[in-house]
Amino acid sequence: MSRAKPEQNRIEDIRDADLQSALMTESTYAQQLLSLLARTSFRLGQFKLSSGGTSDYYIDCRTTTLHAEGGRLTGHAILELLEANHIDAEAVGGLTMGADPIVSNVATASAQRALSGSAQSLPEAPLLHGFPLLHGFLVRKAEKAHGTGRRIEGFCREGARVVIVDDVCTTGASTINAIEAAHEAGMKVVAVVCIVEREEANGRPAVESAAKGAPFLRLFSANDVRAEHVKQLQTTAS
């Protein structure tokens, strides 16, 4: 005898079947990413947050940023956001592990766009065939106790212009951790980007203060993702 699935999992029944058609009807990378985030990363319920608070929703961006198509969309959506805000940089980085797939996908997307000739060249950016490349670096939560003992893995050059990325910004603690590590390494943070900002936690002022004047950009607010998730549930139910 079959059982009905919990309501929070109902949308999973149509995920694979509808993914391709849903993405085909969206016009920008960010719009396509929002649709996928709402499908795969957003849940309604009662949840305890890492900040210690509670919430009636939860967003796990890693189920999207580690998704094959979601990762591609993440990289290109962030590149579009940086270009729209005239941010020129040499690398992107963030605190492990939420930032790991974001960093890799943005770096890969920059190389893809450079090879395809679809990007606009920015001053001071390292170039491939005339187009900018963004390299990647990851920030450890603590320095290694062996080897070089360094905290930053990957790209690390004093004076370099870098962008700090994160998946979800709540209090901003992990984002600030990465900003401070970049500053300590002598790099210049020229922008901070998160995929989703939970505005109710009011982490933005602390992040902006740590960034020392660099803009704090987001792709979506949590309300954007919630609204898209509810719309998808309504569509499924109708």
Protein backbone atom coordinates (compact mmCIF):
# COMPACT_ATOMS: atom_id res chain seq x y z
CA MET A 1 0.00 0.00 0.00
CA SER A 2 1.50 3.31 -1.08
CA ARG A 3 1.94 6.25 1.25
CA ALA A 4 1.61 9.92 0.46
CA LYS A 5 4.88 11.78 0.61
CA PRO A 6 5.36 14.67 3.08
CA GLU A 7 4.29 17.99 1.59
CA GLN A 8 7.80 19.44 1.84
CA ASN A 9 8.99 16.73 -0.58
CA ARG A 10 6.16 17.05 -3.11
CA ILE A 11 8.06 19.41 -5.32
CA GLU A 12 10.82 16.81 -5.69
CA ASP A 13 8.44 14.68 -7.78
CA ILE A 14 8.50 17.20 -10.60
CA ARG A 15 12.06 18.45 -10.17
CA ASP A 16 13.79 16.36 -12.81
CA ALA A 17 10.92 16.44 -15.29
CA ASP A 18 10.44 20.19 -15.11
CA LEU A 19 14.02 21.38 -14.65
CA GLN A 20 14.94 21.67 -18.31
CA SER A 21 11.69 23.34 -19.38
CA ALA A 22 11.78 25.75 -16.42
CA LEU A 23 15.32 26.85 -17.21
CA MET A 24 14.55 27.23 -20.92
CA THR A 25 11.82 29.79 -20.19
CA GLU A 26 13.98 32.04 -17.98
CA SER A 27 16.00 34.79 -19.61
CA THR A 28 18.98 35.48 -17.34
CA TYR A 29 21.35 33.30 -15.39
CA ALA A 30 20.10 34.85 -12.14
CA GLN A 31 16.45 34.11 -12.98
CA GLN A 32 17.29 30.54 -13.86
CA LEU A 33 19.30 30.18 -10.65
CA LEU A 34 16.43 31.54 -8.55
CA SER A 35 14.09 28.93 -10.01
CA LEU A 36 16.51 26.14 -9.19
CA LEU A 37 17.27 27.47 -5.69
CA ALA A 38 13.57 27.52 -4.88
CA ARG A 39 13.21 23.94 -6.11
CA THR A 40 16.21 22.35 -4.47
CA SER A 41 17.46 24.52 -1.62
CA PHE A 42 14.46 26.05 0.14
CA ARG A 43 12.34 24.34 2.82
CA LEU A 44 9.50 25.57 5.01
CA GLY A 45 9.28 24.31 8.61
CA GLN A 46 10.92 24.96 11.96
CA PHE A 47 14.71 25.08 11.90
CA LYS A 48 17.54 25.97 14.26
CA LEU A 49 20.18 28.15 12.62
CA SER A 50 23.95 28.05 13.09
CA SER A 51 23.64 31.55 14.57
CA GLY A 52 21.59 30.03 17.41
CA GLY A 53 18.26 31.48 16.33
CA THR A 54 15.23 29.70 14.87
CA SER A 55 13.42 30.21 11.60
CA ASP A 56 10.32 29.04 9.76
CA TYR A 57 12.40 28.37 6.66
CA TYR A 58 15.81 27.00 5.72
CA ILE A 59 18.01 27.57 2.69
CA ASP A 60 20.82 25.14 1.92
CA CYS A 61 22.48 26.68 -1.11
CA ARG A 62 24.96 23.81 -1.42
CA THR A 63 22.30 21.52 -2.90
CA THR A 64 22.14 24.03 -5.74
CA THR A 65 25.77 25.17 -6.02
CA LEU A 66 26.90 21.51 -6.10
CA HIS A 67 24.20 20.64 -8.66
CA ALA A 68 25.70 20.33 -12.16
CA GLU A 69 23.44 22.95 -13.74
CA GLY A 70 23.14 24.95 -10.53
CA GLY A 71 26.89 25.33 -10.31
CA ARG A 72 27.09 26.59 -13.88
CA LEU A 73 24.30 29.09 -13.28
CA THR A 74 25.91 30.27 -10.04
CA GLY A 75 29.19 31.05 -11.74
CA HIS A 76 27.65 32.99 -14.61
CA ALA A 77 25.07 34.80 -12.45
CA ILE A 78 27.81 36.14 -10.16
CA LEU A 79 29.92 37.19 -13.15
CA GLU A 80 26.92 39.10 -14.51
CA LEU A 81 26.41 40.77 -11.13
CA LEU A 82 30.05 41.84 -10.96
CA GLU A 83 29.98 43.18 -14.51
CA ALA A 84 26.74 45.08 -13.90
CA ASN A 85 28.38 46.80 -10.92
CA HIS A 86 31.66 47.45 -12.76
CA ILE A 87 33.73 45.36 -10.35
CA ASP A 88 37.19 44.50 -11.67
CA ALA A 89 39.07 41.86 -9.76
CA GLU A 90 41.72 39.19 -10.13
CA ALA A 91 40.23 36.50 -7.93
CA VAL A 92 37.22 35.34 -5.92
CA GLY A 93 37.40 33.56 -2.60
CA GLY A 94 35.52 32.70 0.55
CA LEU A 95 35.37 30.65 3.71
CA THR A 96 35.27 26.90 3.36
CA MET A 97 32.98 25.11 2.86
CA GLY A 98 29.95 27.10 1.79
CA ALA A 99 32.04 29.19 -0.59
CA ASP A 100 33.94 26.25 -2.11
CA PRO A 101 31.60 25.43 -5.03
CA ILE A 102 30.86 29.12 -5.62
CA VAL A 103 34.55 29.96 -5.99
CA SER A 104 35.19 27.03 -8.33
CA ASN A 105 32.18 27.79 -10.50
CA VAL A 106 32.90 31.51 -10.81
CA ALA A 107 36.53 30.83 -11.76
CA THR A 108 35.46 28.23 -14.33
CA ALA A 109 32.75 30.52 -15.73
CA SER A 110 35.27 33.32 -16.19
CA ALA A 111 37.48 31.01 -18.26
CA GLN A 112 34.52 29.79 -20.31
CA ARG A 113 33.43 33.33 -21.07
CA ALA A 114 36.97 34.34 -21.92
CA LEU A 115 37.31 31.48 -24.40
CA SER A 116 33.90 32.19 -25.93
CA GLY A 117 34.62 35.92 -26.18
CA SER A 118 31.38 36.85 -24.39
CA ALA A 119 32.86 39.01 -21.61
CA GLN A 120 33.91 42.63 -21.52
CA SER A 121 37.54 43.31 -20.69
CA LEU A 122 38.08 45.15 -17.41
CA PRO A 123 41.20 47.23 -16.63
CA GLU A 124 43.86 45.52 -14.50
CA ALA A 125 42.22 42.09 -14.83
CA PRO A 126 44.41 39.15 -15.91
CA LEU A 127 43.42 38.33 -19.47
CA LEU A 128 42.96 35.29 -21.68
CA HIS A 129 42.47 36.17 -25.34
CA GLY A 130 41.62 39.72 -24.22
CA PHE A 131 39.02 38.78 -21.60
CA PRO A 132 39.26 38.72 -17.79
CA LEU A 133 39.99 35.65 -15.72
CA LEU A 134 38.99 35.35 -12.07
CA HIS A 135 41.12 32.88 -10.16
CA GLY A 136 39.98 31.25 -6.92
CA PHE A 137 41.08 30.93 -3.32
CA LEU A 138 39.63 29.28 -0.24
CA VAL A 139 39.96 30.45 3.34
CA ARG A 140 40.45 27.84 6.06
CA LYS A 141 38.62 28.33 9.34
CA ALA A 142 42.00 27.94 11.06
CA GLU A 143 45.61 27.87 9.90
CA LYS A 144 47.11 24.49 9.06
CA ALA A 145 49.23 22.99 11.82
CA HIS A 146 51.55 21.42 9.24
CA GLY A 147 53.23 22.24 5.92
CA THR A 148 53.23 25.96 5.13
CA GLY A 149 50.73 26.65 7.90
CA ARG A 150 48.89 29.05 5.67
CA ARG A 151 45.21 29.82 5.96
CA ILE A 152 44.52 30.70 2.32
CA GLU A 153 44.70 28.02 -0.37
CA GLY A 154 44.91 28.86 -4.05
CA PHE A 155 45.40 32.37 -5.39
CA CYS A 156 47.09 34.68 -2.90
CA ARG A 157 49.02 37.76 -3.96
CA GLU A 158 49.64 40.87 -1.92
CA GLY A 159 47.86 43.89 -3.37
CA ALA A 160 45.50 41.82 -5.54
CA ARG A 161 41.92 42.99 -6.01
CA VAL A 162 39.57 40.24 -4.84
CA VAL A 163 35.89 39.51 -4.33
CA ILE A 164 34.67 37.61 -1.27
CA VAL A 165 31.76 35.25 -1.91
CA ASP A 166 29.39 33.36 0.37
CA ASP A 167 26.25 31.31 -0.07
CA VAL A 168 23.86 32.60 2.62
CA CYS A 169 24.51 35.72 4.68
CA THR A 170 22.68 35.72 8.01
CA THR A 171 24.74 37.41 10.72
CA GLY A 172 27.64 37.71 8.29
CA ALA A 173 30.12 35.92 10.56
CA SER A 174 31.56 33.55 7.92
CA THR A 175 31.71 36.32 5.33
CA ILE A 176 33.56 38.61 7.74
CA ASN A 177 35.96 35.79 8.61
CA ALA A 178 36.94 35.51 4.93
CA ILE A 179 37.20 39.30 4.50
CA GLU A 180 39.57 39.56 7.46
CA ALA A 181 41.73 36.70 6.16
CA ALA A 182 42.02 38.39 2.76
CA HIS A 183 43.01 41.67 4.40
CA GLU A 184 45.58 39.91 6.58
CA ALA A 185 47.11 38.38 3.44
CA GLY A 186 47.52 41.87 1.99
CA MET A 187 44.78 41.55 -0.63
CA LYS A 188 42.30 44.33 -1.37
CA VAL A 189 38.63 43.37 -1.07
CA VAL A 190 36.78 45.27 -3.82
CA ALA A 191 33.36 43.62 -3.39
CA VAL A 192 31.47 41.10 -1.30
CA VAL A 193 28.81 38.87 -2.89
CA CYS A 194 26.32 36.45 -1.36
CA ILE A 195 23.81 34.30 -3.18
CA VAL A 196 21.05 34.82 -0.59
CA GLU A 197 20.78 37.49 2.10
CA ARG A 198 18.59 36.79 5.13
CA GLU A 199 17.67 40.40 5.81
CA GLU A 200 15.87 39.71 9.09
CA ALA A 201 19.21 38.89 10.74
CA ASN A 202 20.59 42.34 9.85
CA GLY A 203 24.08 41.09 9.09
CA ARG A 204 24.67 43.65 6.32
CA PRO A 205 26.05 46.51 8.48
CA ALA A 206 28.71 44.26 10.02
CA VAL A 207 29.76 42.92 6.62
CA GLU A 208 29.93 46.40 5.12
CA SER A 209 32.03 47.60 8.04
CA ALA A 210 34.48 44.71 7.65
CA ALA A 211 34.66 45.32 3.89
CA LYS A 212 35.88 48.89 4.52
CA GLY A 213 33.82 50.58 1.85
CA ALA A 214 33.66 47.78 -0.71
CA PRO A 215 30.11 47.17 -1.95
CA PHE A 216 28.11 44.27 -0.52
CA LEU A 217 26.08 42.73 -3.35
CA ARG A 218 23.53 39.93 -3.35
CA LEU A 219 21.83 37.90 -6.01
CA PHE A 220 18.62 37.38 -4.00
CA SER A 221 16.94 38.12 -0.71
CA ALA A 222 15.48 35.21 1.25
CA ASN A 223 12.04 36.64 0.46
CA ASP A 224 12.79 36.33 -3.25
CA VAL A 225 13.52 32.62 -2.85
CA ARG A 226 10.50 32.06 -0.58
CA ALA A 227 8.16 33.73 -3.06
CA GLU A 228 9.47 31.60 -5.92
CA HIS A 229 9.20 28.44 -3.80
CA VAL A 230 5.58 29.18 -2.85
CA LYS A 231 4.74 29.91 -6.50
CA GLN A 232 6.18 26.55 -7.51
CA LEU A 233 4.20 24.75 -4.80
CA GLN A 234 1.01 26.45 -5.97
CA THR A 235 1.74 25.45 -9.54
CA THR A 236 2.31 21.84 -8.46
CA ALA A 237 -0.95 21.77 -6.51
CA SER A 238 -3.06 23.20 -9.34
